Amino acid sequence: MDIHIKMNDLNEGDLRLWYVIQTKPGNEQRVEINLSNQGIETFLPLFKSCRSCHGRLVQKIMPLFPNYLFAELLLQLHYYKVKWTRGVKKILGTENGPVPISEKVVQTIRARIGSDNLIKLEEELQEGDIVQITSGPFKEFRGVFQKKISDKGRVRILLSLIGADIPVQIPKWQIKKVA
């Protein structure tokens, strides 16, 4: 693929397209900053991950696609800038060169960004939804979602234990919707 082009060969009407940039492990934010400093528009979708570590809830903000981010490029102008940016592994494509992605992909992901600039992954649970507990003392038990209790992520579910529906309050991150 011939990327060499003279600056005066570029027209203002040249189309910028979105490409997927593969980064070296853990370098997504470094690459985002470095490309932004070069005047290249980037998009690094992030989400909040909740995990249990030694019985405690640990929240961490992580990339939605580890080792990848999106960049809007005028390939003829930006190819070598991106290729040689610290932390970049490559621009995804074929053996013939980088392949752009549809702008709808980026728009669809951006549409899921909440007020905290993080991607909303979980769907809202409705009263009566069947859920399964994924960790804790009731792990693998199934129950019925009853209601959200607090903005801090606590929910009430009904577990069928010893022949009766028992209300149990647990963190939302400990359950997942079943079918």
C-alpha atoms as a PDB file:
ATOM      1  CA  MET A   1       0.000   0.000   0.000  1.00  0.00           C
ATOM      2  CA  ASP A   2       1.412   3.370  -1.000  1.00  0.00           C
ATOM      3  CA  ILE A   3       0.874   5.865   1.811  1.00  0.00           C
ATOM      4  CA  HIS A   4       3.295   8.523   0.513  1.00  0.00           C
ATOM      5  CA  ILE A   5       1.508  11.733  -0.423  1.00  0.00           C
ATOM      6  CA  LYS A   6       2.412  15.377  -0.656  1.00  0.00           C
ATOM      7  CA  MET A   7       0.674  17.837   1.671  1.00  0.00           C
ATOM      8  CA  ASN A   8      -0.626  19.934  -1.241  1.00  0.00           C
ATOM      9  CA  ASP A   9      -2.271  16.832  -2.759  1.00  0.00           C
ATOM     10  CA  LEU A  10      -4.793  16.796   0.116  1.00  0.00           C
ATOM     11  CA  ASN A  11      -8.167  18.419  -0.413  1.00  0.00           C
ATOM     12  CA  GLU A  12     -10.250  19.888   2.372  1.00  0.00           C
ATOM     13  CA  GLY A  13     -13.051  17.582   1.261  1.00  0.00           C
ATOM     14  CA  ASP A  14     -10.978  14.445   1.913  1.00  0.00           C
ATOM     15  CA  LEU A  15     -12.918  12.065   4.099  1.00  0.00           C
ATOM     16  CA  ARG A  16     -11.813  11.166   7.594  1.00  0.00           C
ATOM     17  CA  LEU A  17     -12.754   7.606   8.484  1.00  0.00           C
ATOM     18  CA  TRP A  18     -12.773   5.665  11.731  1.00  0.00           C
ATOM     19  CA  TYR A  19     -10.132   2.985  12.246  1.00  0.00           C
ATOM     20  CA  VAL A  20      -9.427   0.562  15.079  1.00  0.00           C
ATOM     21  CA  ILE A  21      -6.013   1.066  16.657  1.00  0.00           C
ATOM     22  CA  GLN A  22      -4.475  -1.897  18.477  1.00  0.00           C
ATOM     23  CA  THR A  23      -2.336  -0.805  21.400  1.00  0.00           C
ATOM     24  CA  LYS A  24       0.317  -2.553  23.397  1.00  0.00           C
ATOM     25  CA  PRO A  25      -1.173  -4.094  26.574  1.00  0.00           C
ATOM     26  CA  GLY A  26      -2.349  -1.466  29.055  1.00  0.00           C
ATOM     27  CA  ASN A  27      -1.418   1.473  26.787  1.00  0.00           C
ATOM     28  CA  GLU A  28      -4.907   2.528  25.668  1.00  0.00           C
ATOM     29  CA  GLN A  29      -4.944   5.790  27.630  1.00  0.00           C
ATOM     30  CA  ARG A  30      -1.356   6.630  26.721  1.00  0.00           C
ATOM     31  CA  VAL A  31      -2.170   6.209  23.027  1.00  0.00           C
ATOM     32  CA  GLU A  32      -5.375   8.228  23.391  1.00  0.00           C
ATOM     33  CA  ILE A  33      -3.446  11.136  24.944  1.00  0.00           C
ATOM     34  CA  ASN A  34      -0.579  10.931  22.431  1.00  0.00           C
ATOM     35  CA  LEU A  35      -2.929  10.882  19.422  1.00  0.00           C
ATOM     36  CA  SER A  36      -5.075  13.697  20.847  1.00  0.00           C
ATOM     37  CA  ASN A  37      -1.912  15.777  21.298  1.00  0.00           C
ATOM     38  CA  GLN A  38      -1.257  15.280  17.570  1.00  0.00           C
ATOM     39  CA  GLY A  39      -4.716  16.616  16.695  1.00  0.00           C
ATOM     40  CA  ILE A  40      -6.251  13.217  15.950  1.00  0.00           C
ATOM     41  CA  GLU A  41      -9.775  12.542  17.239  1.00  0.00           C
ATOM     42  CA  THR A  42      -9.925   9.387  19.342  1.00  0.00           C
ATOM     43  CA  PHE A  43     -12.601   7.442  21.149  1.00  0.00           C
ATOM     44  CA  LEU A  44     -11.743   5.119  24.034  1.00  0.00           C
ATOM     45  CA  PRO A  45     -14.953   3.635  25.460  1.00  0.00           C
ATOM     46  CA  LEU A  46     -14.660   2.922  29.194  1.00  0.00           C
ATOM     47  CA  PHE A  47     -16.934   1.107  31.634  1.00  0.00           C
ATOM     48  CA  LYS A  48     -17.092   0.502  35.370  1.00  0.00           C
ATOM     49  CA  SER A  49     -16.216  -3.033  36.385  1.00  0.00           C
ATOM     50  CA  CYS A  50     -17.214  -4.405  39.798  1.00  0.00           C
ATOM     51  CA  ARG A  51     -15.411  -7.410  41.203  1.00  0.00           C
ATOM     52  CA  SER A  52     -15.184  -9.180  44.493  1.00  0.00           C
ATOM     53  CA  CYS A  53     -11.670  -9.280  45.908  1.00  0.00           C
ATOM     54  CA  HIS A  54     -11.210 -10.930  49.309  1.00  0.00           C
ATOM     55  CA  GLY A  55     -14.874 -10.344  50.136  1.00  0.00           C
ATOM     56  CA  ARG A  56     -14.809  -6.647  49.240  1.00  0.00           C
ATOM     57  CA  LEU A  57     -16.320  -4.897  46.234  1.00  0.00           C
ATOM     58  CA  VAL A  58     -13.633  -3.341  44.043  1.00  0.00           C
ATOM     59  CA  GLN A  59     -14.727  -0.924  41.323  1.00  0.00           C
ATOM     60  CA  LYS A  60     -12.367  -0.196  38.478  1.00  0.00           C
ATOM     61  CA  ILE A  61     -12.792   1.828  35.296  1.00  0.00           C
ATOM     62  CA  MET A  62     -11.580  -0.252  32.358  1.00  0.00           C
ATOM     63  CA  PRO A  63     -11.548  -0.059  28.557  1.00  0.00           C
ATOM     64  CA  LEU A  64     -14.570  -1.712  26.935  1.00  0.00           C
ATOM     65  CA  PHE A  65     -12.200  -3.273  24.392  1.00  0.00           C
ATOM     66  CA  PRO A  66      -8.860  -3.946  26.112  1.00  0.00           C
ATOM     67  CA  ASN A  67      -5.879  -3.042  23.881  1.00  0.00           C
ATOM     68  CA  TYR A  68      -8.041  -1.223  21.305  1.00  0.00           C
ATOM     69  CA  LEU A  69      -9.358   2.271  20.669  1.00  0.00           C
ATOM     70  CA  PHE A  70     -10.945   4.109  17.760  1.00  0.00           C
ATOM     71  CA  ALA A  71      -9.375   6.989  15.828  1.00  0.00           C
ATOM     72  CA  GLU A  72     -10.793   9.169  13.072  1.00  0.00           C
ATOM     73  CA  LEU A  73      -8.039   9.461  10.476  1.00  0.00           C
ATOM     74  CA  LEU A  74      -7.283  10.923   7.121  1.00  0.00           C
ATOM     75  CA  LEU A  75      -5.151   7.891   6.345  1.00  0.00           C
ATOM     76  CA  GLN A  76      -2.847   9.573   3.841  1.00  0.00           C
ATOM     77  CA  LEU A  77      -1.962  12.255   6.387  1.00  0.00           C
ATOM     78  CA  HIS A  78      -2.094  10.361   9.687  1.00  0.00           C
ATOM     79  CA  TYR A  79      -0.866   6.837   8.873  1.00  0.00           C
ATOM     80  CA  TYR A  80       2.764   7.265   9.917  1.00  0.00           C
ATOM     81  CA  LYS A  81       1.893   9.576  12.812  1.00  0.00           C
ATOM     82  CA  VAL A  82      -0.299   6.829  14.254  1.00  0.00           C
ATOM     83  CA  LYS A  83       1.960   3.931  13.321  1.00  0.00           C
ATOM     84  CA  TRP A  84       4.928   5.439  15.161  1.00  0.00           C
ATOM     85  CA  THR A  85       3.019   6.789  18.167  1.00  0.00           C
ATOM     86  CA  ARG A  86       4.315   5.370  21.427  1.00  0.00           C
ATOM     87  CA  GLY A  87       2.090   2.508  22.640  1.00  0.00           C
ATOM     88  CA  VAL A  88       0.539   1.718  19.232  1.00  0.00           C
ATOM     89  CA  LYS A  89       0.919  -1.834  17.951  1.00  0.00           C
ATOM     90  CA  LYS A  90      -0.898  -1.412  14.609  1.00  0.00           C
ATOM     91  CA  ILE A  91      -3.937  -0.094  12.771  1.00  0.00           C
ATOM     92  CA  LEU A  92      -6.256  -3.036  12.153  1.00  0.00           C
ATOM     93  CA  GLY A  93      -6.715  -4.151   8.568  1.00  0.00           C
ATOM     94  CA  THR A  94      -5.685  -6.724   6.019  1.00  0.00           C
ATOM     95  CA  GLU A  95      -2.378  -7.407   4.303  1.00  0.00           C
ATOM     96  CA  ASN A  96      -3.389  -4.662   1.849  1.00  0.00           C
ATOM     97  CA  GLY A  97      -3.503  -2.024   4.588  1.00  0.00           C
ATOM     98  CA  PRO A  98      -5.760  -0.545   7.266  1.00  0.00           C
ATOM     99  CA  VAL A  99      -9.513  -1.079   6.888  1.00  0.00           C
ATOM    100  CA  PRO A 100     -11.955   1.576   8.130  1.00  0.00           C
ATOM    101  CA  ILE A 101     -14.999   0.715  10.213  1.00  0.00           C
ATOM    102  CA  SER A 102     -18.488   2.136   9.858  1.00  0.00           C
ATOM    103  CA  GLU A 103     -19.150   5.384  11.699  1.00  0.00           C
ATOM    104  CA  LYS A 104     -22.366   3.728  12.943  1.00  0.00           C
ATOM    105  CA  VAL A 105     -20.259   1.439  15.146  1.00  0.00           C
ATOM    106  CA  VAL A 106     -18.767   4.430  16.946  1.00  0.00           C
ATOM    107  CA  GLN A 107     -22.144   6.222  17.107  1.00  0.00           C
ATOM    108  CA  THR A 108     -23.835   3.130  18.564  1.00  0.00           C
ATOM    109  CA  ILE A 109     -21.226   2.812  21.308  1.00  0.00           C
ATOM    110  CA  ARG A 110     -21.324   6.558  22.026  1.00  0.00           C
ATOM    111  CA  ALA A 111     -25.116   6.369  22.364  1.00  0.00           C
ATOM    112  CA  ARG A 112     -24.612   4.134  25.419  1.00  0.00           C
ATOM    113  CA  ILE A 113     -22.453   6.670  27.270  1.00  0.00           C
ATOM    114  CA  GLY A 114     -24.030   7.888  30.495  1.00  0.00           C
ATOM    115  CA  SER A 115     -23.665  11.165  32.351  1.00  0.00           C
ATOM    116  CA  ASP A 116     -20.466   9.860  33.973  1.00  0.00           C
ATOM    117  CA  ASN A 117     -18.808   9.380  30.519  1.00  0.00           C
ATOM    118  CA  LEU A 118     -18.863   5.606  30.994  1.00  0.00           C
ATOM    119  CA  ILE A 119     -20.565   3.001  28.802  1.00  0.00           C
ATOM    120  CA  LYS A 120     -23.735   1.555  30.323  1.00  0.00           C
ATOM    121  CA  LEU A 121     -23.553  -2.201  29.821  1.00  0.00           C
ATOM    122  CA  GLU A 122     -26.170  -3.665  32.059  1.00  0.00           C
ATOM    123  CA  GLU A 123     -29.763  -3.697  31.071  1.00  0.00           C
ATOM    124  CA  GLU A 124     -32.328  -2.554  33.582  1.00  0.00           C
ATOM    125  CA  LEU A 125     -33.982  -5.368  35.454  1.00  0.00           C
ATOM    126  CA  GLN A 126     -37.770  -5.432  35.599  1.00  0.00           C
ATOM    127  CA  GLU A 127     -39.859  -6.763  38.458  1.00  0.00           C
ATOM    128  CA  GLY A 128     -40.390 -10.488  37.877  1.00  0.00           C
ATOM    129  CA  ASP A 129     -37.175 -11.101  35.893  1.00  0.00           C
ATOM    130  CA  ILE A 130     -35.454 -14.392  36.688  1.00  0.00           C
ATOM    131  CA  VAL A 131     -31.920 -13.803  37.982  1.00  0.00           C
ATOM    132  CA  GLN A 132     -29.037 -15.997  39.087  1.00  0.00           C
ATOM    133  CA  ILE A 133     -26.660 -15.118  41.895  1.00  0.00           C
ATOM    134  CA  THR A 134     -23.056 -15.191  40.651  1.00  0.00           C
ATOM    135  CA  SER A 135     -21.106 -14.958  43.914  1.00  0.00           C
ATOM    136  CA  GLY A 136     -21.465 -14.999  47.677  1.00  0.00           C
ATOM    137  CA  PRO A 137     -23.157 -17.515  49.974  1.00  0.00           C
ATOM    138  CA  PHE A 138     -26.125 -17.993  47.594  1.00  0.00           C
ATOM    139  CA  LYS A 139     -23.974 -18.520  44.500  1.00  0.00           C
ATOM    140  CA  GLU A 140     -25.758 -20.449  41.703  1.00  0.00           C
ATOM    141  CA  PHE A 141     -29.191 -19.913  43.312  1.00  0.00           C
ATOM    142  CA  ARG A 142     -31.945 -18.522  41.110  1.00  0.00           C
ATOM    143  CA  GLY A 143     -34.515 -16.027  42.196  1.00  0.00           C
ATOM    144  CA  VAL A 144     -36.985 -13.420  41.040  1.00  0.00           C
ATOM    145  CA  PHE A 145     -35.972  -9.760  40.860  1.00  0.00           C
ATOM    146  CA  GLN A 146     -38.266  -7.688  43.059  1.00  0.00           C
ATOM    147  CA  LYS A 147     -36.881  -4.135  43.116  1.00  0.00           C
ATOM    148  CA  LYS A 148     -33.897  -1.807  43.250  1.00  0.00           C
ATOM    149  CA  ILE A 149     -33.332  -0.662  46.833  1.00  0.00           C
ATOM    150  CA  SER A 150     -30.651   2.035  46.575  1.00  0.00           C
ATOM    151  CA  ASP A 151     -28.599   4.048  44.123  1.00  0.00           C
ATOM    152  CA  LYS A 152     -25.525   2.323  45.556  1.00  0.00           C
ATOM    153  CA  GLY A 153     -26.487  -0.869  43.735  1.00  0.00           C
ATOM    154  CA  ARG A 154     -28.465  -2.911  46.261  1.00  0.00           C
ATOM    155  CA  VAL A 155     -31.414  -4.933  45.023  1.00  0.00           C
ATOM    156  CA  ARG A 156     -34.047  -7.200  46.543  1.00  0.00           C
ATOM    157  CA  ILE A 157     -34.690 -10.615  45.051  1.00  0.00           C
ATOM    158  CA  LEU A 158     -36.986 -13.421  46.140  1.00  0.00           C
ATOM    159  CA  LEU A 159     -35.272 -16.776  46.659  1.00  0.00           C
ATOM    160  CA  SER A 160     -37.283 -19.973  46.936  1.00  0.00           C
ATOM    161  CA  LEU A 161     -35.754 -21.539  50.018  1.00  0.00           C
ATOM    162  CA  ILE A 162     -37.297 -24.229  52.207  1.00  0.00           C
ATOM    163  CA  GLY A 163     -40.576 -24.007  50.303  1.00  0.00           C
ATOM    164  CA  ALA A 164     -41.092 -20.261  50.745  1.00  0.00           C
ATOM    165  CA  ASP A 165     -40.111 -17.100  48.861  1.00  0.00           C
ATOM    166  CA  ILE A 166     -37.571 -15.328  51.050  1.00  0.00           C
ATOM    167  CA  PRO A 167     -36.626 -11.688  50.242  1.00  0.00           C
ATOM    168  CA  VAL A 168     -32.855 -11.238  50.099  1.00  0.00           C
ATOM    169  CA  GLN A 169     -30.979  -7.958  49.676  1.00  0.00           C
ATOM    170  CA  ILE A 170     -27.697  -8.204  47.767  1.00  0.00           C
ATOM    171  CA  PRO A 171     -25.461  -6.000  45.590  1.00  0.00           C
ATOM    172  CA  LYS A 172     -26.643  -5.843  41.973  1.00  0.00           C
ATOM    173  CA  TRP A 173     -23.212  -6.883  40.685  1.00  0.00           C
ATOM    174  CA  GLN A 174     -23.762 -10.294  42.325  1.00  0.00           C
ATOM    175  CA  ILE A 175     -26.685 -11.173  40.032  1.00  0.00           C
ATOM    176  CA  LYS A 176     -27.201 -11.700  36.343  1.00  0.00           C
ATOM    177  CA  LYS A 177     -30.390 -11.932  34.343  1.00  0.00           C
ATOM    178  CA  VAL A 178     -31.319 -15.409  33.140  1.00  0.00           C
ATOM    179  CA  ALA A 179     -33.143 -15.544  29.795  1.00  0.00           C
END
